[in-house]
Amino acid sequence: MVATHVPLHRKIKRMWQHAAFIGIVAVVSSLLAGCLYPEERLAQNQVPSTFYLEATQKAIDQYHTDTGVLPIVTKPLDTPIFEKYEVDFRMLMPKYVPDVPANAFEKGGVYKYVLVDVETKPLVRLANLAAVSKVADVQTAVNRYVSHYGKLPVEKEIGNGYFTISGKAIGMQDVQVNSSITNQWLPLIMNERGEVGIDYAADIATTLRNNPKLQVPPQTDPRYVLARESMFVPIKSFPYELVNGEPRLLPLIID
């Protein structure tokens, strides 16, 4: 093989460009975090900043180019797909990013930074931990009800082994979450195993309706469209399919 020679001046230019990017991130991060009162910093930690998302994407792209691997936390194989590829900022600092984004969980924020499409073109997205917490609270209440009564707290059946949850039965008035993707309210549902998740059917339908050019290939879960078109992943969700252009929950597979 013939080695490709890169002129020294080009190497130096690339080094300066990378250093300049890191410097900009560091300065902006300092300004955003250091010049705020405590309550303002707390509010900042709740904001899904496009600046941090884009900076993290650039850092991961460069890390991937340099090393051939992705900077992710090792998780069990059965971890749900939208939680599985969590960004490990320790692998990126300080060469690729100066610090963890202020709105990340590691900094007291409400977002986990995760990757989607890792086999093709890895994209950085946010997982809203407030939604995760809500699902966990409802799951605990459902488990308590099942343990006490020996049945699921069903409000109504919605097909394919899924049910809406009776808030009255589990002692909770609010059995829904505000969507990070479309800002509409989404119901929490459960499958026949009593596993609780968020029903993203309305988000899927809204996203496809507002973007007529979007195509969902056959045999493809439309949740991936949400993840690619939004800053967020559909965290704590069940698998879907499109039937006549409308999202439908896939039947639960019993092992």
C-alpha atoms as a PDB file:
ATOM      1  CA  MET A   1       0.000   0.000   0.000  1.00  0.00           C
ATOM      2  CA  VAL A   2       1.152   3.552  -0.663  1.00  0.00           C
ATOM      3  CA  ALA A   3       1.031   5.822   2.362  1.00  0.00           C
ATOM      4  CA  THR A   4      -0.891   9.029   1.892  1.00  0.00           C
ATOM      5  CA  HIS A   5       1.212  12.054   2.780  1.00  0.00           C
ATOM      6  CA  VAL A   6      -0.649  14.926   4.384  1.00  0.00           C
ATOM      7  CA  PRO A   7       1.261  18.224   4.092  1.00  0.00           C
ATOM      8  CA  LEU A   8       2.449  19.610   7.418  1.00  0.00           C
ATOM      9  CA  HIS A   9       0.581  22.883   6.979  1.00  0.00           C
ATOM     10  CA  ARG A  10      -2.710  20.992   6.595  1.00  0.00           C
ATOM     11  CA  LYS A  11      -2.062  18.992   9.765  1.00  0.00           C
ATOM     12  CA  ILE A  12      -1.335  22.202  11.652  1.00  0.00           C
ATOM     13  CA  LYS A  13      -4.496  23.812  10.265  1.00  0.00           C
ATOM     14  CA  ARG A  14      -6.622  20.862  11.422  1.00  0.00           C
ATOM     15  CA  MET A  15      -5.055  20.987  14.876  1.00  0.00           C
ATOM     16  CA  TRP A  16      -5.800  24.686  15.186  1.00  0.00           C
ATOM     17  CA  GLN A  17      -9.401  24.217  13.987  1.00  0.00           C
ATOM     18  CA  HIS A  18     -10.006  21.477  16.556  1.00  0.00           C
ATOM     19  CA  ALA A  19      -8.365  23.513  19.310  1.00  0.00           C
ATOM     20  CA  ALA A  20     -10.459  26.543  18.377  1.00  0.00           C
ATOM     21  CA  PHE A  21     -13.673  24.494  18.581  1.00  0.00           C
ATOM     22  CA  ILE A  22     -12.758  23.147  22.030  1.00  0.00           C
ATOM     23  CA  GLY A  23     -11.934  26.672  23.150  1.00  0.00           C
ATOM     24  CA  ILE A  24     -15.273  28.023  21.975  1.00  0.00           C
ATOM     25  CA  VAL A  25     -17.148  25.263  23.781  1.00  0.00           C
ATOM     26  CA  ALA A  26     -15.188  25.937  26.959  1.00  0.00           C
ATOM     27  CA  VAL A  27     -15.818  29.690  26.846  1.00  0.00           C
ATOM     28  CA  VAL A  28     -19.525  29.364  26.127  1.00  0.00           C
ATOM     29  CA  SER A  29     -19.949  26.690  28.799  1.00  0.00           C
ATOM     30  CA  SER A  30     -18.210  28.937  31.309  1.00  0.00           C
ATOM     31  CA  LEU A  31     -20.376  31.899  30.399  1.00  0.00           C
ATOM     32  CA  LEU A  32     -23.558  29.862  30.576  1.00  0.00           C
ATOM     33  CA  ALA A  33     -22.719  28.227  33.892  1.00  0.00           C
ATOM     34  CA  GLY A  34     -20.628  30.791  35.725  1.00  0.00           C
ATOM     35  CA  CYS A  35     -22.651  33.959  35.240  1.00  0.00           C
ATOM     36  CA  LEU A  36     -25.946  32.630  36.516  1.00  0.00           C
ATOM     37  CA  TYR A  37     -27.614  32.741  39.902  1.00  0.00           C
ATOM     38  CA  PRO A  38     -28.300  29.298  41.460  1.00  0.00           C
ATOM     39  CA  GLU A  39     -31.967  29.269  40.414  1.00  0.00           C
ATOM     40  CA  GLU A  40     -30.982  30.270  36.874  1.00  0.00           C
ATOM     41  CA  ARG A  41     -28.427  27.463  36.738  1.00  0.00           C
ATOM     42  CA  LEU A  42     -31.120  25.014  37.844  1.00  0.00           C
ATOM     43  CA  ALA A  43     -33.412  26.262  35.069  1.00  0.00           C
ATOM     44  CA  GLN A  44     -30.558  25.938  32.565  1.00  0.00           C
ATOM     45  CA  ASN A  45     -30.160  22.286  33.549  1.00  0.00           C
ATOM     46  CA  GLN A  46     -33.696  21.650  32.339  1.00  0.00           C
ATOM     47  CA  VAL A  47     -33.217  23.232  28.890  1.00  0.00           C
ATOM     48  CA  PRO A  48     -32.633  20.967  25.827  1.00  0.00           C
ATOM     49  CA  SER A  49     -29.868  23.158  24.360  1.00  0.00           C
ATOM     50  CA  THR A  50     -29.090  22.699  20.673  1.00  0.00           C
ATOM     51  CA  PHE A  51     -25.629  24.136  21.350  1.00  0.00           C
ATOM     52  CA  TYR A  52     -24.690  21.278  23.677  1.00  0.00           C
ATOM     53  CA  LEU A  53     -26.262  18.728  21.350  1.00  0.00           C
ATOM     54  CA  GLU A  54     -24.325  19.979  18.329  1.00  0.00           C
ATOM     55  CA  ALA A  55     -21.066  20.259  20.294  1.00  0.00           C
ATOM     56  CA  THR A  56     -21.460  16.686  21.543  1.00  0.00           C
ATOM     57  CA  GLN A  57     -22.256  15.445  18.030  1.00  0.00           C
ATOM     58  CA  LYS A  58     -19.115  17.076  16.651  1.00  0.00           C
ATOM     59  CA  ALA A  59     -17.009  15.615  19.456  1.00  0.00           C
ATOM     60  CA  ILE A  60     -18.383  12.104  18.948  1.00  0.00           C
ATOM     61  CA  ASP A  61     -17.884  12.285  15.185  1.00  0.00           C
ATOM     62  CA  GLN A  62     -14.247  13.239  15.697  1.00  0.00           C
ATOM     63  CA  TYR A  63     -13.720  10.604  18.401  1.00  0.00           C
ATOM     64  CA  HIS A  64     -15.237   7.963  16.125  1.00  0.00           C
ATOM     65  CA  THR A  65     -12.990   9.045  13.256  1.00  0.00           C
ATOM     66  CA  ASP A  66      -9.883   8.966  15.443  1.00  0.00           C
ATOM     67  CA  THR A  67     -10.526   5.694  17.286  1.00  0.00           C
ATOM     68  CA  GLY A  68     -12.976   3.676  15.190  1.00  0.00           C
ATOM     69  CA  VAL A  69     -15.225   3.109  18.232  1.00  0.00           C
ATOM     70  CA  LEU A  70     -18.004   5.039  19.955  1.00  0.00           C
ATOM     71  CA  PRO A  71     -17.687   6.623  23.422  1.00  0.00           C
ATOM     72  CA  ILE A  72     -20.558   4.781  25.084  1.00  0.00           C
ATOM     73  CA  VAL A  73     -21.315   3.212  28.447  1.00  0.00           C
ATOM     74  CA  THR A  74     -21.308  -0.595  28.418  1.00  0.00           C
ATOM     75  CA  LYS A  75     -24.814  -1.876  29.181  1.00  0.00           C
ATOM     76  CA  PRO A  76     -26.553  -5.279  29.220  1.00  0.00           C
ATOM     77  CA  LEU A  77     -27.635  -6.659  25.845  1.00  0.00           C
ATOM     78  CA  ASP A  78     -31.321  -6.546  26.799  1.00  0.00           C
ATOM     79  CA  THR A  79     -31.264  -2.800  27.556  1.00  0.00           C
ATOM     80  CA  PRO A  80     -34.079  -1.059  25.612  1.00  0.00           C
ATOM     81  CA  ILE A  81     -32.756   0.307  22.339  1.00  0.00           C
ATOM     82  CA  PHE A  82     -33.277   4.007  23.121  1.00  0.00           C
ATOM     83  CA  GLU A  83     -31.422   3.667  26.431  1.00  0.00           C
ATOM     84  CA  LYS A  84     -28.703   1.289  25.290  1.00  0.00           C
ATOM     85  CA  TYR A  85     -26.105   3.613  23.748  1.00  0.00           C
ATOM     86  CA  GLU A  86     -25.506   6.197  26.451  1.00  0.00           C
ATOM     87  CA  VAL A  87     -22.688   8.669  25.801  1.00  0.00           C
ATOM     88  CA  ASP A  88     -19.724   8.282  28.149  1.00  0.00           C
ATOM     89  CA  PHE A  89     -18.378  11.826  28.488  1.00  0.00           C
ATOM     90  CA  ARG A  90     -15.372  10.573  30.455  1.00  0.00           C
ATOM     91  CA  MET A  91     -14.045   9.151  27.195  1.00  0.00           C
ATOM     92  CA  LEU A  92     -14.436  12.518  25.474  1.00  0.00           C
ATOM     93  CA  MET A  93     -12.853  14.783  28.075  1.00  0.00           C
ATOM     94  CA  PRO A  94     -10.753  16.814  27.849  1.00  0.00           C
ATOM     95  CA  LYS A  95      -9.544  16.248  24.298  1.00  0.00           C
ATOM     96  CA  TYR A  96     -12.921  16.391  22.540  1.00  0.00           C
ATOM     97  CA  VAL A  97     -15.084  18.338  25.005  1.00  0.00           C
ATOM     98  CA  PRO A  98     -13.956  20.466  27.962  1.00  0.00           C
ATOM     99  CA  ASP A  99     -16.753  19.348  30.266  1.00  0.00           C
ATOM    100  CA  VAL A 100     -20.063  17.511  30.479  1.00  0.00           C
ATOM    101  CA  PRO A 101     -23.016  19.570  29.130  1.00  0.00           C
ATOM    102  CA  ALA A 102     -24.734  21.562  31.872  1.00  0.00           C
ATOM    103  CA  ASN A 103     -28.129  19.970  31.148  1.00  0.00           C
ATOM    104  CA  ALA A 104     -26.797  16.396  31.342  1.00  0.00           C
ATOM    105  CA  PHE A 105     -27.679  14.084  34.220  1.00  0.00           C
ATOM    106  CA  GLU A 106     -24.024  13.955  35.238  1.00  0.00           C
ATOM    107  CA  LYS A 107     -24.225  17.712  35.941  1.00  0.00           C
ATOM    108  CA  GLY A 108     -27.561  17.603  37.723  1.00  0.00           C
ATOM    109  CA  GLY A 109     -29.624  18.085  34.562  1.00  0.00           C
ATOM    110  CA  VAL A 110     -32.676  16.147  33.403  1.00  0.00           C
ATOM    111  CA  TYR A 111     -31.233  14.612  30.225  1.00  0.00           C
ATOM    112  CA  LYS A 112     -29.153  11.598  29.347  1.00  0.00           C
ATOM    113  CA  TYR A 113     -27.190  11.910  26.102  1.00  0.00           C
ATOM    114  CA  VAL A 114     -27.677   8.800  23.963  1.00  0.00           C
ATOM    115  CA  LEU A 115     -26.907   7.621  20.436  1.00  0.00           C
ATOM    116  CA  VAL A 116     -29.226   6.232  17.785  1.00  0.00           C
ATOM    117  CA  ASP A 117     -28.400   4.638  14.419  1.00  0.00           C
ATOM    118  CA  VAL A 118     -25.040   3.477  15.785  1.00  0.00           C
ATOM    119  CA  GLU A 119     -24.504   1.019  12.924  1.00  0.00           C
ATOM    120  CA  THR A 120     -24.940   3.607  10.170  1.00  0.00           C
ATOM    121  CA  LYS A 121     -24.617   7.269  11.131  1.00  0.00           C
ATOM    122  CA  PRO A 122     -24.551   7.745  14.922  1.00  0.00           C
ATOM    123  CA  LEU A 123     -26.761  10.633  16.014  1.00  0.00           C
ATOM    124  CA  VAL A 124     -26.731  12.258  19.444  1.00  0.00           C
ATOM    125  CA  ARG A 125     -30.130  12.616  21.065  1.00  0.00           C
ATOM    126  CA  LEU A 126     -31.574  13.376  24.497  1.00  0.00           C
ATOM    127  CA  ALA A 127     -33.501  11.080  26.826  1.00  0.00           C
ATOM    128  CA  ASN A 128     -35.802  13.026  29.147  1.00  0.00           C
ATOM    129  CA  LEU A 129     -35.310  11.654  32.653  1.00  0.00           C
ATOM    130  CA  ALA A 130     -38.403  13.464  33.946  1.00  0.00           C
ATOM    131  CA  ALA A 131     -40.478  11.139  31.748  1.00  0.00           C
ATOM    132  CA  VAL A 132     -38.453   8.153  32.960  1.00  0.00           C
ATOM    133  CA  SER A 133     -39.172   9.149  36.560  1.00  0.00           C
ATOM    134  CA  LYS A 134     -42.899   9.460  35.879  1.00  0.00           C
ATOM    135  CA  VAL A 135     -43.021   6.002  34.310  1.00  0.00           C
ATOM    136  CA  ALA A 136     -41.143   4.589  37.300  1.00  0.00           C
ATOM    137  CA  ASP A 137     -43.644   6.145  39.724  1.00  0.00           C
ATOM    138  CA  VAL A 138     -46.611   4.704  37.832  1.00  0.00           C
ATOM    139  CA  GLN A 139     -44.868   1.330  37.508  1.00  0.00           C
ATOM    140  CA  THR A 140     -44.445   1.213  41.292  1.00  0.00           C
ATOM    141  CA  ALA A 141     -48.128   2.011  41.769  1.00  0.00           C
ATOM    142  CA  VAL A 142     -49.183  -0.654  39.247  1.00  0.00           C
ATOM    143  CA  ASN A 143     -46.948  -3.252  40.910  1.00  0.00           C
ATOM    144  CA  ARG A 144     -48.464  -2.415  44.295  1.00  0.00           C
ATOM    145  CA  TYR A 145     -51.983  -2.777  42.917  1.00  0.00           C
ATOM    146  CA  VAL A 146     -51.216  -6.123  41.266  1.00  0.00           C
ATOM    147  CA  SER A 147     -49.593  -7.407  44.441  1.00  0.00           C
ATOM    148  CA  HIS A 148     -52.658  -6.452  46.476  1.00  0.00           C
ATOM    149  CA  TYR A 149     -55.484  -7.383  44.086  1.00  0.00           C
ATOM    150  CA  GLY A 150     -53.912  -9.979  41.807  1.00  0.00           C
ATOM    151  CA  LYS A 151     -54.978  -8.197  38.617  1.00  0.00           C
ATOM    152  CA  LEU A 152     -53.990  -5.233  36.458  1.00  0.00           C
ATOM    153  CA  PRO A 153     -55.488  -1.762  37.122  1.00  0.00           C
ATOM    154  CA  VAL A 154     -57.101  -1.662  33.668  1.00  0.00           C
ATOM    155  CA  GLU A 155     -59.111   1.334  32.501  1.00  0.00           C
ATOM    156  CA  LYS A 156     -59.718   0.038  28.982  1.00  0.00           C
ATOM    157  CA  GLU A 157     -58.159  -2.305  26.446  1.00  0.00           C
ATOM    158  CA  ILE A 158     -56.528  -0.654  23.433  1.00  0.00           C
ATOM    159  CA  GLY A 159     -55.605  -3.801  21.488  1.00  0.00           C
ATOM    160  CA  ASN A 160     -52.723  -6.199  20.930  1.00  0.00           C
ATOM    161  CA  GLY A 161     -52.328  -6.840  24.656  1.00  0.00           C
ATOM    162  CA  TYR A 162     -52.093  -3.214  25.806  1.00  0.00           C
ATOM    163  CA  PHE A 163     -54.266  -1.248  28.219  1.00  0.00           C
ATOM    164  CA  THR A 164     -54.741   2.251  29.532  1.00  0.00           C
ATOM    165  CA  ILE A 165     -54.205   2.549  33.291  1.00  0.00           C
ATOM    166  CA  SER A 166     -56.883   3.453  35.797  1.00  0.00           C
ATOM    167  CA  GLY A 167     -55.496   6.384  37.741  1.00  0.00           C
ATOM    168  CA  LYS A 168     -58.295   6.005  40.277  1.00  0.00           C
ATOM    169  CA  ALA A 169     -57.340   2.381  40.930  1.00  0.00           C
ATOM    170  CA  ILE A 170     -53.670   3.171  41.606  1.00  0.00           C
ATOM    171  CA  GLY A 171     -54.365   6.413  43.459  1.00  0.00           C
ATOM    172  CA  MET A 172     -52.858   8.764  40.879  1.00  0.00           C
ATOM    173  CA  GLN A 173     -54.749  11.562  39.148  1.00  0.00           C
ATOM    174  CA  ASP A 174     -52.130  12.141  36.460  1.00  0.00           C
ATOM    175  CA  VAL A 175     -51.217   9.082  34.343  1.00  0.00           C
ATOM    176  CA  GLN A 176     -49.619  10.940  31.426  1.00  0.00           C
ATOM    177  CA  VAL A 177     -46.466  12.825  30.460  1.00  0.00           C
ATOM    178  CA  ASN A 178     -45.806  15.934  28.418  1.00  0.00           C
ATOM    179  CA  SER A 179     -44.051  14.967  25.182  1.00  0.00           C
ATOM    180  CA  SER A 180     -40.579  16.422  24.652  1.00  0.00           C
ATOM    181  CA  ILE A 181     -41.056  15.784  20.932  1.00  0.00           C
ATOM    182  CA  THR A 182     -44.407  17.455  20.155  1.00  0.00           C
ATOM    183  CA  ASN A 183     -45.320  19.070  23.499  1.00  0.00           C
ATOM    184  CA  GLN A 184     -48.646  17.234  23.605  1.00  0.00           C
ATOM    185  CA  TRP A 185     -49.797  15.052  26.482  1.00  0.00           C
ATOM    186  CA  LEU A 186     -49.187  11.336  26.041  1.00  0.00           C
ATOM    187  CA  PRO A 187     -50.919   8.615  28.072  1.00  0.00           C
ATOM    188  CA  LEU A 188     -49.021   6.020  30.052  1.00  0.00           C
ATOM    189  CA  ILE A 189     -50.088   2.500  29.158  1.00  0.00           C
ATOM    190  CA  MET A 190     -49.187  -1.046  30.196  1.00  0.00           C
ATOM    191  CA  ASN A 191     -48.936  -4.393  28.498  1.00  0.00           C
ATOM    192  CA  GLU A 192     -50.451  -7.632  29.747  1.00  0.00           C
ATOM    193  CA  ARG A 193     -47.327  -8.257  31.817  1.00  0.00           C
ATOM    194  CA  GLY A 194     -47.996  -5.058  33.734  1.00  0.00           C
ATOM    195  CA  GLU A 195     -45.002  -3.276  32.213  1.00  0.00           C
ATOM    196  CA  VAL A 196     -45.627   0.476  32.016  1.00  0.00           C
ATOM    197  CA  GLY A 197     -44.533   2.728  29.146  1.00  0.00           C
ATOM    198  CA  ILE A 198     -45.482   5.838  27.203  1.00  0.00           C
ATOM    199  CA  ASP A 199     -47.874   5.645  24.243  1.00  0.00           C
ATOM    200  CA  TYR A 200     -46.139   7.581  21.453  1.00  0.00           C
ATOM    201  CA  ALA A 201     -48.826   6.952  18.838  1.00  0.00           C
ATOM    202  CA  ALA A 202     -49.902  10.612  18.844  1.00  0.00           C
ATOM    203  CA  ASP A 203     -46.286  11.784  18.459  1.00  0.00           C
ATOM    204  CA  ILE A 204     -45.702   9.406  15.559  1.00  0.00           C
ATOM    205  CA  ALA A 205     -48.904  10.462  13.797  1.00  0.00           C
ATOM    206  CA  THR A 206     -48.213  14.176  14.340  1.00  0.00           C
ATOM    207  CA  THR A 207     -44.622  13.928  13.101  1.00  0.00           C
ATOM    208  CA  LEU A 208     -45.636  12.074   9.931  1.00  0.00           C
ATOM    209  CA  ARG A 209     -48.553  14.418   9.290  1.00  0.00           C
ATOM    210  CA  ASN A 210     -46.380  17.530   9.683  1.00  0.00           C
ATOM    211  CA  ASN A 211     -43.644  16.102   7.449  1.00  0.00           C
ATOM    212  CA  PRO A 212     -45.365  14.503   4.422  1.00  0.00           C
ATOM    213  CA  LYS A 213     -42.027  13.713   2.759  1.00  0.00           C
ATOM    214  CA  LEU A 214     -40.949  11.411   5.591  1.00  0.00           C
ATOM    215  CA  GLN A 215     -40.909   7.769   4.623  1.00  0.00           C
ATOM    216  CA  VAL A 216     -41.108   4.811   6.987  1.00  0.00           C
ATOM    217  CA  PRO A 217     -39.714   1.750   5.164  1.00  0.00           C
ATOM    218  CA  PRO A 218     -41.694  -1.501   5.402  1.00  0.00           C
ATOM    219  CA  GLN A 219     -41.002  -3.567   8.519  1.00  0.00           C
ATOM    220  CA  THR A 220     -39.509  -0.490  10.220  1.00  0.00           C
ATOM    221  CA  ASP A 221     -40.527   0.735  13.654  1.00  0.00           C
ATOM    222  CA  PRO A 222     -41.747   4.346  13.197  1.00  0.00           C
ATOM    223  CA  ARG A 223     -40.265   5.320  16.565  1.00  0.00           C
ATOM    224  CA  TYR A 224     -36.967   5.701  14.736  1.00  0.00           C
ATOM    225  CA  VAL A 225     -38.505   8.530  12.717  1.00  0.00           C
ATOM    226  CA  LEU A 226     -39.163  10.397  15.951  1.00  0.00           C
ATOM    227  CA  ALA A 227     -35.582   9.908  17.078  1.00  0.00           C
ATOM    228  CA  ARG A 228     -34.133  11.140  13.787  1.00  0.00           C
ATOM    229  CA  GLU A 229     -36.465  14.110  13.338  1.00  0.00           C
ATOM    230  CA  SER A 230     -36.338  15.350  16.928  1.00  0.00           C
ATOM    231  CA  MET A 231     -33.747  16.163  19.569  1.00  0.00           C
ATOM    232  CA  PHE A 232     -35.246  13.408  21.706  1.00  0.00           C
ATOM    233  CA  VAL A 233     -35.648   9.650  21.757  1.00  0.00           C
ATOM    234  CA  PRO A 234     -39.041   8.086  22.559  1.00  0.00           C
ATOM    235  CA  ILE A 235     -37.879   6.880  25.942  1.00  0.00           C
ATOM    236  CA  LYS A 236     -39.801   4.154  27.829  1.00  0.00           C
ATOM    237  CA  SER A 237     -41.806   3.133  24.770  1.00  0.00           C
ATOM    238  CA  PHE A 238     -43.182  -0.020  23.188  1.00  0.00           C
ATOM    239  CA  PRO A 239     -42.597  -1.127  19.555  1.00  0.00           C
ATOM    240  CA  TYR A 240     -44.936   0.079  16.799  1.00  0.00           C
ATOM    241  CA  GLU A 241     -45.745  -0.596  13.182  1.00  0.00           C
ATOM    242  CA  LEU A 242     -47.579   1.477  10.589  1.00  0.00           C
ATOM    243  CA  VAL A 243     -50.922   0.119   9.382  1.00  0.00           C
ATOM    244  CA  ASN A 244     -52.516   2.171   6.588  1.00  0.00           C
ATOM    245  CA  GLY A 245     -50.323   5.069   7.618  1.00  0.00           C
ATOM    246  CA  GLU A 246     -51.355   4.961  11.280  1.00  0.00           C
ATOM    247  CA  PRO A 247     -49.168   3.809  14.188  1.00  0.00           C
ATOM    248  CA  ARG A 248     -50.219   0.609  15.929  1.00  0.00           C
ATOM    249  CA  LEU A 249     -48.641  -1.116  18.904  1.00  0.00           C
ATOM    250  CA  LEU A 250     -47.039  -4.439  18.044  1.00  0.00           C
ATOM    251  CA  PRO A 251     -48.325  -7.478  19.945  1.00  0.00           C
ATOM    252  CA  LEU A 252     -46.271  -8.482  22.947  1.00  0.00           C
ATOM    253  CA  ILE A 253     -43.997 -11.437  22.235  1.00  0.00           C
ATOM    254  CA  ILE A 254     -44.256 -13.998  25.030  1.00  0.00           C
ATOM    255  CA  ASP A 255     -41.025 -15.939  25.509  1.00  0.00           C
END
